[in-house]
Amino acid sequence: MANNFDAARAKAIKALGKDAKVPDNKVLEKTFGDVFSAYDAFDKARDDIEAKILALQKALASHKLTMKQFVDKLDDDDFGLDEKNKDDAKKLKEAHGYFDEWASSKMDLMASDIDGLDELDKHVMDFRKYKLKQTQG
């Protein structure tokens, strides 16, 4: 069995005789080069998407930390009311509860998004396992 076209062609000519008109593979040379160009583009796209996933994870983590700090400030805010006044204290407790509920929901969603991106990143990293088996014409 011939490993490349030139070896296969030489054996075919030997079998057919030197007067046989066996074509060369010039038509394949361009498309063979195209395969490696396309693979290089695929490889770069994979690198790009890995970087974009990481950037999105970082942005979400930063947003989550910023939200936590914002909510901590809301928890300490008296919104211009008097915490020592019984009626105002009740209103503040209710208002803080609404913000806590809202923040907890958003924090859970962001954590889920970060986890989902981590899972997506693992799949994209698996793309690195794909290598072209064709290395010569």
Protein backbone atom coordinates (compact mmCIF):
# COMPACT_ATOMS: atom_id res chain seq x y z
CA MET A 1 0.00 0.00 0.00
CA ALA A 2 1.34 3.41 -0.98
CA ASN A 3 1.42 6.13 1.68
CA ASN A 4 1.30 9.03 -0.74
CA PHE A 5 0.08 9.78 -4.24
CA ASP A 6 3.54 9.87 -5.82
CA ALA A 7 4.30 6.37 -4.56
CA ALA A 8 0.89 5.11 -5.70
CA ARG A 9 1.35 6.78 -9.11
CA ALA A 10 4.81 5.26 -9.55
CA LYS A 11 3.48 1.79 -8.76
CA ALA A 12 0.51 2.33 -11.10
CA ILE A 13 2.83 3.37 -13.97
CA LYS A 14 4.99 0.34 -13.31
CA ALA A 15 1.90 -1.88 -13.46
CA LEU A 16 0.40 -0.12 -16.52
CA GLY A 17 3.59 0.45 -18.43
CA LYS A 18 5.62 3.57 -19.07
CA ASP A 19 3.36 4.68 -21.94
CA ALA A 20 0.30 4.86 -19.65
CA LYS A 21 -1.13 8.33 -19.19
CA VAL A 22 -1.52 8.57 -15.42
CA PRO A 23 -2.47 12.10 -14.26
CA ASP A 24 -0.57 13.93 -11.58
CA ASN A 25 -2.24 15.26 -8.45
CA LYS A 26 -1.76 19.01 -8.99
CA VAL A 27 -5.52 19.55 -8.72
CA LEU A 28 -5.38 18.09 -5.21
CA GLU A 29 -2.41 20.19 -4.07
CA LYS A 30 -4.45 23.41 -3.85
CA THR A 31 -7.37 21.84 -2.03
CA PHE A 32 -4.97 19.99 0.26
CA GLY A 33 -3.45 23.34 1.22
CA ASP A 34 -6.99 24.66 1.75
CA VAL A 35 -7.57 21.91 4.31
CA PHE A 36 -4.69 23.12 6.46
CA SER A 37 -5.71 26.76 6.04
CA ALA A 38 -9.24 25.88 7.15
CA TYR A 39 -7.89 23.86 10.08
CA ASP A 40 -5.72 26.78 11.16
CA ALA A 41 -8.81 29.03 11.05
CA PHE A 42 -10.73 26.43 13.10
CA ASP A 43 -7.88 26.31 15.62
CA LYS A 44 -7.85 30.11 15.93
CA ALA A 45 -11.64 30.25 16.29
CA ARG A 46 -11.43 27.74 19.14
CA ASP A 47 -8.78 29.86 20.86
CA ASP A 48 -10.96 32.94 20.33
CA ILE A 49 -14.07 31.35 21.80
CA GLU A 50 -12.10 30.11 24.83
CA ALA A 51 -10.94 33.68 25.43
CA LYS A 52 -14.47 35.05 24.98
CA ILE A 53 -15.94 32.51 27.42
CA LEU A 54 -13.31 33.48 29.99
CA ALA A 55 -13.99 37.19 29.45
CA LEU A 56 -17.72 36.59 29.95
CA GLN A 57 -17.06 34.57 33.12
CA LYS A 58 -14.87 37.36 34.47
CA ALA A 59 -17.48 40.01 33.62
CA LEU A 60 -20.23 38.01 35.35
CA ALA A 61 -18.04 37.42 38.43
CA SER A 62 -17.20 41.13 38.59
CA HIS A 63 -20.86 42.06 38.21
CA LYS A 64 -21.82 39.59 40.93
CA LEU A 65 -19.25 41.05 43.35
CA THR A 66 -20.35 44.60 42.50
CA MET A 67 -23.97 43.62 43.09
CA LYS A 68 -23.07 42.06 46.44
CA GLN A 69 -21.36 45.28 47.50
CA PHE A 70 -24.34 47.33 46.30
CA VAL A 71 -26.78 45.12 48.22
CA ASP A 72 -24.62 45.38 51.34
CA LYS A 73 -24.92 49.16 51.08
CA LEU A 74 -28.69 48.89 50.63
CA ASP A 75 -28.88 46.72 53.75
CA ASP A 76 -27.23 49.50 55.74
CA ASP A 77 -29.24 52.32 54.18
CA ASP A 78 -32.01 53.98 56.16
CA PHE A 79 -33.39 55.68 53.03
CA GLY A 80 -33.79 58.90 55.00
CA LEU A 81 -36.01 57.29 57.64
CA ASP A 82 -35.41 57.07 61.38
CA GLU A 83 -34.46 53.49 62.33
CA LYS A 84 -35.34 54.24 65.96
CA ASN A 85 -38.92 55.08 65.05
CA LYS A 86 -40.99 51.89 65.33
CA ASP A 87 -43.07 52.61 62.20
CA ASP A 88 -39.98 53.56 60.17
CA ALA A 89 -38.10 50.47 61.41
CA LYS A 90 -40.96 48.28 60.17
CA LYS A 91 -40.89 49.99 56.74
CA LEU A 92 -37.11 49.63 56.52
CA LYS A 93 -37.26 45.94 57.39
CA GLU A 94 -39.88 45.39 54.67
CA ALA A 95 -37.91 47.39 52.08
CA HIS A 96 -34.65 45.60 52.93
CA GLY A 97 -36.48 42.28 52.57
CA TYR A 98 -37.53 43.19 49.01
CA PHE A 99 -33.97 44.09 48.06
CA ASP A 100 -32.61 40.92 49.67
CA GLU A 101 -35.12 38.77 47.79
CA TRP A 102 -34.29 40.50 44.51
CA ALA A 103 -30.52 40.23 45.06
CA SER A 104 -30.68 36.58 46.11
CA SER A 105 -32.56 35.69 42.92
CA LYS A 106 -30.10 37.60 40.73
CA MET A 107 -27.06 36.15 42.52
CA ASP A 108 -28.40 32.62 41.98
CA LEU A 109 -28.93 33.33 38.27
CA MET A 110 -25.42 34.74 37.89
CA ALA A 111 -23.91 31.75 39.69
CA SER A 112 -25.85 29.47 37.35
CA ASP A 113 -24.59 31.42 34.33
CA ILE A 114 -20.99 31.19 35.54
CA ASP A 115 -21.37 27.43 36.10
CA GLY A 116 -22.95 27.03 32.67
CA LEU A 117 -20.06 28.87 31.05
CA ASP A 118 -17.61 26.67 32.94
CA GLU A 119 -19.35 23.60 31.48
CA LEU A 120 -19.34 25.15 28.00
CA ASP A 121 -15.63 25.91 28.37
CA LYS A 122 -14.94 22.22 29.12
CA HIS A 123 -16.67 21.23 25.87
CA VAL A 124 -14.77 23.83 23.88
CA MET A 125 -11.51 22.62 25.45
CA ASP A 126 -12.40 19.14 24.17
CA PHE A 127 -12.09 20.57 20.65
CA ARG A 128 -8.32 20.52 21.28
CA LYS A 129 -8.48 16.73 21.07
CA TYR A 130 -9.41 16.95 17.38
CA LYS A 131 -6.34 16.79 15.17
CA LEU A 132 -6.17 16.23 11.42
CA LYS A 133 -5.04 12.72 10.62
CA GLN A 134 -4.14 13.63 7.06
CA THR A 135 -0.58 14.93 7.06
CA GLN A 136 0.65 14.31 3.57
CA GLY A 137 -0.71 14.10 0.06
